[in-house]
PDB file of N, CA and C in Angstrom:
ATOM      1  N   UNK A   1     -20.720 -15.284  56.752  1.00  0.00           N
ATOM      2  CA  UNK A   1     -19.629 -14.461  56.746  1.00  0.00           C
ATOM      3  C   UNK A   1     -19.823 -13.427  55.532  1.00  0.00           C
ATOM      4  N   UNK A   2     -19.491 -12.132  55.884  1.00  0.00           N
ATOM      5  CA  UNK A   2     -19.759 -11.155  54.800  1.00  0.00           C
ATOM      6  C   UNK A   2     -18.781 -11.291  53.706  1.00  0.00           C
ATOM      7  N   UNK A   3     -19.070 -10.652  52.554  1.00  0.00           N
ATOM      8  CA  UNK A   3     -18.321 -10.753  51.431  1.00  0.00           C
ATOM      9  C   UNK A   3     -17.802  -9.278  50.965  1.00  0.00           C
ATOM     10  N   UNK A   4     -16.796  -9.128  50.219  1.00  0.00           N
ATOM     11  CA  UNK A   4     -16.262  -7.985  49.816  1.00  0.00           C
ATOM     12  C   UNK A   4     -15.810  -8.191  48.537  1.00  0.00           C
ATOM     13  N   UNK A   5     -16.196  -7.178  47.481  1.00  0.00           N
ATOM     14  CA  UNK A   5     -15.537  -7.278  46.143  1.00  0.00           C
ATOM     15  C   UNK A   5     -14.729  -6.131  45.921  1.00  0.00           C
ATOM     16  N   UNK A   6     -13.508  -6.281  45.298  1.00  0.00           N
ATOM     17  CA  UNK A   6     -12.471  -5.293  45.106  1.00  0.00           C
ATOM     18  C   UNK A   6     -12.286  -5.200  43.720  1.00  0.00           C
ATOM     19  N   UNK A   7     -11.913  -4.106  43.322  1.00  0.00           N
ATOM     20  CA  UNK A   7     -11.569  -3.970  41.802  1.00  0.00           C
ATOM     21  C   UNK A   7     -10.082  -3.495  41.884  1.00  0.00           C
ATOM     22  N   UNK A   8      -9.238  -4.230  41.394  1.00  0.00           N
ATOM     23  CA  UNK A   8      -7.774  -3.945  41.252  1.00  0.00           C
ATOM     24  C   UNK A   8      -7.346  -4.115  39.675  1.00  0.00           C
ATOM     25  N   UNK A   9      -6.179  -3.345  39.456  1.00  0.00           N
ATOM     26  CA  UNK A   9      -5.563  -3.546  38.207  1.00  0.00           C
ATOM     27  C   UNK A   9      -4.949  -4.794  37.824  1.00  0.00           C
ATOM     28  N   UNK A  10      -4.706  -5.228  36.572  1.00  0.00           N
ATOM     29  CA  UNK A  10      -4.259  -6.598  36.526  1.00  0.00           C
ATOM     30  C   UNK A  10      -2.825  -6.897  37.191  1.00  0.00           C
ATOM     31  N   UNK A  11      -1.941  -5.842  37.306  1.00  0.00           N
ATOM     32  CA  UNK A  11      -0.701  -6.045  37.886  1.00  0.00           C
ATOM     33  C   UNK A  11      -0.864  -6.287  39.412  1.00  0.00           C
ATOM     34  N   UNK A  12      -1.810  -5.778  40.052  1.00  0.00           N
ATOM     35  CA  UNK A  12      -2.081  -5.967  41.483  1.00  0.00           C
ATOM     36  C   UNK A  12      -2.670  -7.447  41.719  1.00  0.00           C
ATOM     37  N   UNK A  13      -3.653  -7.736  40.758  1.00  0.00           N
ATOM     38  CA  UNK A  13      -4.326  -9.030  40.720  1.00  0.00           C
ATOM     39  C   UNK A  13      -3.154 -10.110  40.563  1.00  0.00           C
ATOM     40  N   UNK A  14      -2.326 -10.004  39.612  1.00  0.00           N
ATOM     41  CA  UNK A  14      -1.216 -10.942  39.516  1.00  0.00           C
ATOM     42  C   UNK A  14      -0.311 -11.117  40.635  1.00  0.00           C
ATOM     43  N   UNK A  15       0.024 -10.055  41.231  1.00  0.00           N
ATOM     44  CA  UNK A  15       0.880  -9.943  42.543  1.00  0.00           C
ATOM     45  C   UNK A  15       0.057 -10.783  43.657  1.00  0.00           C
ATOM     46  N   UNK A  16      -1.191 -10.368  43.708  1.00  0.00           N
ATOM     47  CA  UNK A  16      -1.861 -11.173  44.741  1.00  0.00           C
ATOM     48  C   UNK A  16      -2.036 -12.646  44.615  1.00  0.00           C
ATOM     49  N   UNK A  17      -2.303 -13.058  43.385  1.00  0.00           N
ATOM     50  CA  UNK A  17      -2.310 -14.404  43.135  1.00  0.00           C
ATOM     51  C   UNK A  17      -0.903 -15.080  43.305  1.00  0.00           C
ATOM     52  N   UNK A  18       0.069 -14.483  42.830  1.00  0.00           N
ATOM     53  CA  UNK A  18       1.473 -15.099  43.115  1.00  0.00           C
ATOM     54  C   UNK A  18       1.808 -15.164  44.627  1.00  0.00           C
ATOM     55  N   UNK A  19       1.533 -14.123  45.407  1.00  0.00           N
ATOM     56  CA  UNK A  19       1.917 -14.181  46.839  1.00  0.00           C
ATOM     57  C   UNK A  19       0.955 -15.199  47.590  1.00  0.00           C
ATOM     58  N   UNK A  20      -0.320 -15.164  47.318  1.00  0.00           N
ATOM     59  CA  UNK A  20      -1.098 -16.204  47.735  1.00  0.00           C
ATOM     60  C   UNK A  20      -0.579 -17.530  47.570  1.00  0.00           C
ATOM     61  N   UNK A  21      -0.205 -17.898  46.233  1.00  0.00           N
ATOM     62  CA  UNK A  21       0.375 -19.240  45.846  1.00  0.00           C
ATOM     63  C   UNK A  21       1.526 -19.418  46.748  1.00  0.00           C
ATOM     64  N   UNK A  22       2.531 -18.538  46.831  1.00  0.00           N
ATOM     65  CA  UNK A  22       3.782 -18.815  47.589  1.00  0.00           C
ATOM     66  C   UNK A  22       3.386 -19.170  49.039  1.00  0.00           C
ATOM     67  N   UNK A  23       2.313 -18.473  49.582  1.00  0.00           N
ATOM     68  CA  UNK A  23       1.998 -18.812  50.968  1.00  0.00           C
ATOM     69  C   UNK A  23       0.981 -19.889  51.099  1.00  0.00           C
ATOM     70  N   UNK A  24       0.725 -20.685  50.017  1.00  0.00           N
ATOM     71  CA  UNK A  24      -0.292 -21.723  49.852  1.00  0.00           C
ATOM     72  C   UNK A  24      -1.593 -21.563  50.340  1.00  0.00           C
ATOM     73  N   UNK A  25      -2.139 -20.231  50.177  1.00  0.00           N
ATOM     74  CA  UNK A  25      -3.451 -19.819  50.635  1.00  0.00           C
ATOM     75  C   UNK A  25      -4.325 -19.438  49.408  1.00  0.00           C
ATOM     76  N   UNK A  26      -5.708 -19.244  49.624  1.00  0.00           N
ATOM     77  CA  UNK A  26      -6.291 -18.533  48.565  1.00  0.00           C
ATOM     78  C   UNK A  26      -6.177 -17.070  48.416  1.00  0.00           C
ATOM     79  N   UNK A  27      -6.557 -16.452  47.453  1.00  0.00           N
ATOM     80  CA  UNK A  27      -6.436 -15.034  47.263  1.00  0.00           C
ATOM     81  C   UNK A  27      -7.092 -14.332  48.553  1.00  0.00           C
ATOM     82  N   UNK A  28      -8.389 -14.800  48.800  1.00  0.00           N
ATOM     83  CA  UNK A  28      -9.106 -14.260  49.673  1.00  0.00           C
ATOM     84  C   UNK A  28      -8.422 -14.277  51.114  1.00  0.00           C
ATOM     85  N   UNK A  29      -7.882 -15.626  51.428  1.00  0.00           N
ATOM     86  CA  UNK A  29      -7.353 -15.685  52.802  1.00  0.00           C
ATOM     87  C   UNK A  29      -5.980 -14.825  52.891  1.00  0.00           C
ATOM     88  N   UNK A  30      -5.392 -14.602  51.738  1.00  0.00           N
ATOM     89  CA  UNK A  30      -4.094 -13.734  51.847  1.00  0.00           C
ATOM     90  C   UNK A  30      -4.438 -12.272  52.118  1.00  0.00           C
ATOM     91  N   UNK A  31      -5.622 -11.740  51.376  1.00  0.00           N
ATOM     92  CA  UNK A  31      -5.964 -10.324  51.441  1.00  0.00           C
ATOM     93  C   UNK A  31      -6.455 -10.267  52.769  1.00  0.00           C
ATOM     94  N   UNK A  32      -7.219 -11.220  53.372  1.00  0.00           N
ATOM     95  CA  UNK A  32      -7.717 -11.010  54.790  1.00  0.00           C
ATOM     96  C   UNK A  32      -6.572 -11.021  55.821  1.00  0.00           C
ATOM     97  N   UNK A  33      -5.427 -11.611  55.568  1.00  0.00           N
ATOM     98  CA  UNK A  33      -4.455 -11.853  56.498  1.00  0.00           C
ATOM     99  C   UNK A  33      -3.733 -10.324  56.390  1.00  0.00           C
ATOM    100  N   UNK A  34      -3.709  -9.693  55.279  1.00  0.00           N
ATOM    101  CA  UNK A  34      -2.987  -8.216  54.976  1.00  0.00           C
ATOM    102  C   UNK A  34      -3.934  -7.343  55.765  1.00  0.00           C
ATOM    103  N   UNK A  35      -5.204  -7.481  55.652  1.00  0.00           N
ATOM    104  CA  UNK A  35      -6.131  -6.470  56.362  1.00  0.00           C
ATOM    105  C   UNK A  35      -6.095  -6.634  57.883  1.00  0.00           C
ATOM    106  N   UNK A  36      -5.973  -8.072  58.320  1.00  0.00           N
ATOM    107  CA  UNK A  36      -5.904  -8.147  59.865  1.00  0.00           C
ATOM    108  C   UNK A  36      -4.731  -7.386  60.437  1.00  0.00           C
ATOM    109  N   UNK A  37      -3.618  -7.661  59.708  1.00  0.00           N
ATOM    110  CA  UNK A  37      -2.351  -7.039  60.153  1.00  0.00           C
ATOM    111  C   UNK A  37      -2.418  -5.471  60.102  1.00  0.00           C
ATOM    112  N   UNK A  38      -3.088  -4.995  59.178  1.00  0.00           N
ATOM    113  CA  UNK A  38      -3.384  -3.482  58.926  1.00  0.00           C
ATOM    114  C   UNK A  38      -4.070  -2.817  60.172  1.00  0.00           C
ATOM    115  N   UNK A  39      -5.200  -3.724  60.572  1.00  0.00           N
ATOM    116  CA  UNK A  39      -6.143  -3.291  61.525  1.00  0.00           C
ATOM    117  C   UNK A  39      -5.537  -3.627  63.004  1.00  0.00           C
ATOM    118  N   UNK A  40      -4.713  -4.558  63.182  1.00  0.00           N
ATOM    119  CA  UNK A  40      -4.250  -4.963  64.513  1.00  0.00           C
ATOM    120  C   UNK A  40      -3.812  -3.703  65.377  1.00  0.00           C
ATOM    121  N   UNK A  41      -4.166  -4.006  66.561  1.00  0.00           N
ATOM    122  CA  UNK A  41      -4.031  -2.791  67.621  1.00  0.00           C
ATOM    123  C   UNK A  41      -2.464  -3.396  68.171  1.00  0.00           C
ATOM    124  N   UNK A  42      -1.827  -2.391  68.776  1.00  0.00           N
ATOM    125  CA  UNK A  42      -0.493  -2.419  69.282  1.00  0.00           C
ATOM    126  C   UNK A  42       0.606  -2.151  68.520  1.00  0.00           C
ATOM    127  N   UNK A  43       1.822  -2.626  69.137  1.00  0.00           N
ATOM    128  CA  UNK A  43       3.053  -2.047  68.321  1.00  0.00           C
ATOM    129  C   UNK A  43       3.299  -2.895  67.050  1.00  0.00           C
ATOM    130  N   UNK A  44       4.088  -2.322  66.247  1.00  0.00           N
ATOM    131  CA  UNK A  44       4.413  -3.056  65.080  1.00  0.00           C
ATOM    132  C   UNK A  44       5.480  -4.152  65.418  1.00  0.00           C
ATOM    133  N   UNK A  45       5.556  -5.190  64.600  1.00  0.00           N
ATOM    134  CA  UNK A  45       6.332  -6.405  64.909  1.00  0.00           C
ATOM    135  C   UNK A  45       7.890  -5.801  65.013  1.00  0.00           C
ATOM    136  N   UNK A  46       8.631  -6.274  65.869  1.00  0.00           N
ATOM    137  CA  UNK A  46       9.865  -5.740  66.022  1.00  0.00           C
ATOM    138  C   UNK A  46      10.212  -4.547  66.763  1.00  0.00           C
ATOM    139  N   UNK A  47       9.121  -3.821  67.310  1.00  0.00           N
ATOM    140  CA  UNK A  47       9.254  -2.577  67.841  1.00  0.00           C
ATOM    141  C   UNK A  47      10.069  -2.602  69.117  1.00  0.00           C
ATOM    142  N   UNK A  48      10.116  -3.590  69.856  1.00  0.00           N
ATOM    143  CA  UNK A  48      10.872  -3.714  71.046  1.00  0.00           C
ATOM    144  C   UNK A  48      12.388  -3.797  70.768  1.00  0.00           C
ATOM    145  N   UNK A  49      12.828  -4.070  69.581  1.00  0.00           N
ATOM    146  CA  UNK A  49      14.085  -4.086  69.184  1.00  0.00           C
ATOM    147  C   UNK A  49      14.788  -2.815  68.812  1.00  0.00           C
ATOM    148  N   UNK A  50      13.925  -1.728  68.786  1.00  0.00           N
ATOM    149  CA  UNK A  50      14.588  -0.304  68.625  1.00  0.00           C
ATOM    150  C   UNK A  50      14.988   0.360  69.962  1.00  0.00           C
ATOM    151  N   UNK A  51      14.408  -0.176  71.038  1.00  0.00           N
ATOM    152  CA  UNK A  51      14.845   0.465  72.350  1.00  0.00           C
ATOM    153  C   UNK A  51      16.303   0.633  72.491  1.00  0.00           C
ATOM    154  N   UNK A  52      16.852   1.830  72.663  1.00  0.00           N
ATOM    155  CA  UNK A  52      18.150   2.245  72.926  1.00  0.00           C
ATOM    156  C   UNK A  52      18.783   2.443  71.658  1.00  0.00           C
ATOM    157  N   UNK A  53      18.229   2.350  70.413  1.00  0.00           N
ATOM    158  CA  UNK A  53      18.910   2.476  69.127  1.00  0.00           C
ATOM    159  C   UNK A  53      19.016   3.967  68.693  1.00  0.00           C
ATOM    160  N   UNK A  54      18.634   4.883  69.367  1.00  0.00           N
ATOM    161  CA  UNK A  54      18.877   6.260  69.196  1.00  0.00           C
ATOM    162  C   UNK A  54      20.256   6.884  69.775  1.00  0.00           C
ATOM    163  N   UNK A  55      21.110   7.341  68.975  1.00  0.00           N
ATOM    164  CA  UNK A  55      22.377   7.800  69.324  1.00  0.00           C
ATOM    165  C   UNK A  55      22.347   9.344  69.330  1.00  0.00           C
ATOM    166  N   UNK A  56      21.697   9.881  70.164  1.00  0.00           N
ATOM    167  CA  UNK A  56      21.577  11.327  70.042  1.00  0.00           C
ATOM    168  C   UNK A  56      21.712  12.125  71.402  1.00  0.00           C
ATOM    169  N   UNK A  57      22.756  12.883  71.672  1.00  0.00           N
ATOM    170  CA  UNK A  57      22.831  13.471  72.936  1.00  0.00           C
ATOM    171  C   UNK A  57      21.764  14.311  73.515  1.00  0.00           C
ATOM    172  N   UNK A  58      20.920  14.852  72.706  1.00  0.00           N
ATOM    173  CA  UNK A  58      19.674  15.571  73.166  1.00  0.00           C
ATOM    174  C   UNK A  58      18.561  14.613  73.513  1.00  0.00           C
ATOM    175  N   UNK A  59      18.710  13.525  73.371  1.00  0.00           N
ATOM    176  CA  UNK A  59      17.817  12.589  73.886  1.00  0.00           C
ATOM    177  C   UNK A  59      17.996  12.171  75.362  1.00  0.00           C
ATOM    178  N   UNK A  60      17.550  12.937  76.171  1.00  0.00           N
ATOM    179  CA  UNK A  60      17.842  12.725  77.557  1.00  0.00           C
ATOM    180  C   UNK A  60      16.435  12.818  78.418  1.00  0.00           C
ATOM    181  N   UNK A  61      16.588  12.031  79.444  1.00  0.00           N
ATOM    182  CA  UNK A  61      15.316  12.034  80.416  1.00  0.00           C
ATOM    183  C   UNK A  61      15.323  13.485  81.029  1.00  0.00           C
ATOM    184  N   UNK A  62      14.159  13.953  80.941  1.00  0.00           N
ATOM    185  CA  UNK A  62      13.915  15.338  81.652  1.00  0.00           C
ATOM    186  C   UNK A  62      13.778  15.151  83.040  1.00  0.00           C
ATOM    187  N   UNK A  63      14.030  16.133  83.947  1.00  0.00           N
ATOM    188  CA  UNK A  63      13.819  16.054  85.350  1.00  0.00           C
ATOM    189  C   UNK A  63      12.482  16.434  85.562  1.00  0.00           C
ATOM    190  N   UNK A  64      11.714  15.763  86.746  1.00  0.00           N
ATOM    191  CA  UNK A  64      10.460  16.138  87.024  1.00  0.00           C
ATOM    192  C   UNK A  64      10.410  17.477  87.591  1.00  0.00           C
ATOM    193  N   UNK A  65       9.316  18.262  87.342  1.00  0.00           N
ATOM    194  CA  UNK A  65       9.154  19.614  87.771  1.00  0.00           C
ATOM    195  C   UNK A  65       8.966  19.620  89.426  1.00  0.00           C
ATOM    196  N   UNK A  66       9.377  20.851  90.023  1.00  0.00           N
ATOM    197  CA  UNK A  66       9.262  20.836  91.362  1.00  0.00           C
ATOM    198  C   UNK A  66       7.830  21.160  91.702  1.00  0.00           C
ATOM    199  N   UNK A  67       7.007  20.445  92.165  1.00  0.00           N
ATOM    200  CA  UNK A  67       5.514  20.658  92.247  1.00  0.00           C
ATOM    201  C   UNK A  67       5.289  21.776  93.332  1.00  0.00           C
ATOM    202  N   UNK A  68       6.242  22.035  94.117  1.00  0.00           N
ATOM    203  CA  UNK A  68       5.975  23.275  95.074  1.00  0.00           C
ATOM    204  C   UNK A  68       6.058  24.486  94.380  1.00  0.00           C
ATOM    205  N   UNK A  69       6.344  24.637  93.174  1.00  0.00           N
ATOM    206  CA  UNK A  69       6.294  25.722  92.319  1.00  0.00           C
ATOM    207  C   UNK A  69       4.883  25.951  91.411  1.00  0.00           C
ATOM    208  N   UNK A  70       4.215  24.915  91.552  1.00  0.00           N
ATOM    209  CA  UNK A  70       2.904  24.788  91.030  1.00  0.00           C
ATOM    210  C   UNK A  70       1.976  25.750  91.473  1.00  0.00           C
ATOM    211  N   UNK A  71       0.974  26.143  90.742  1.00  0.00           N
ATOM    212  CA  UNK A  71       0.109  27.159  91.333  1.00  0.00           C
ATOM    213  C   UNK A  71      -0.946  26.447  92.264  1.00  0.00           C
ATOM    214  N   UNK A  72      -1.330  27.124  93.289  1.00  0.00           N
ATOM    215  CA  UNK A  72      -2.275  26.380  94.361  1.00  0.00           C
ATOM    216  C   UNK A  72      -3.617  26.327  93.443  1.00  0.00           C
ATOM    217  N   UNK A  73      -4.368  25.130  93.994  1.00  0.00           N
ATOM    218  CA  UNK A  73      -5.610  24.810  93.306  1.00  0.00           C
ATOM    219  C   UNK A  73      -6.494  24.226  94.318  1.00  0.00           C
ATOM    220  N   UNK A  74      -7.777  24.532  94.155  1.00  0.00           N
ATOM    221  CA  UNK A  74      -8.741  24.034  95.130  1.00  0.00           C
ATOM    222  C   UNK A  74      -8.921  22.624  95.067  1.00  0.00           C
ATOM    223  N   UNK A  75      -8.990  22.052  96.160  1.00  0.00           N
ATOM    224  CA  UNK A  75      -9.410  20.580  96.169  1.00  0.00           C
ATOM    225  C   UNK A  75     -10.592  20.233  95.772  1.00  0.00           C
ATOM    226  N   UNK A  76     -10.811  19.206  95.059  1.00  0.00           N
ATOM    227  CA  UNK A  76     -12.151  18.783  94.538  1.00  0.00           C
ATOM    228  C   UNK A  76     -12.878  17.811  95.518  1.00  0.00           C
TER     229      UNK A  76
END
């Protein structure tokens, strides 16, 4: 497994150690979990809960354009 060295100031190091201790994992595993979350693909946690939460009258579904008004094109 590859290794990585990080240089952080004392305050960051103390915070990492404290949070790792609270989560009952090593500092390495704690930092790895943070990096995995940062690099994860997809929507953020709880994203589905924001659906419908915008209360703005200008937020409306637009009508589809009339394709008959579109410019004629050559078939490919």
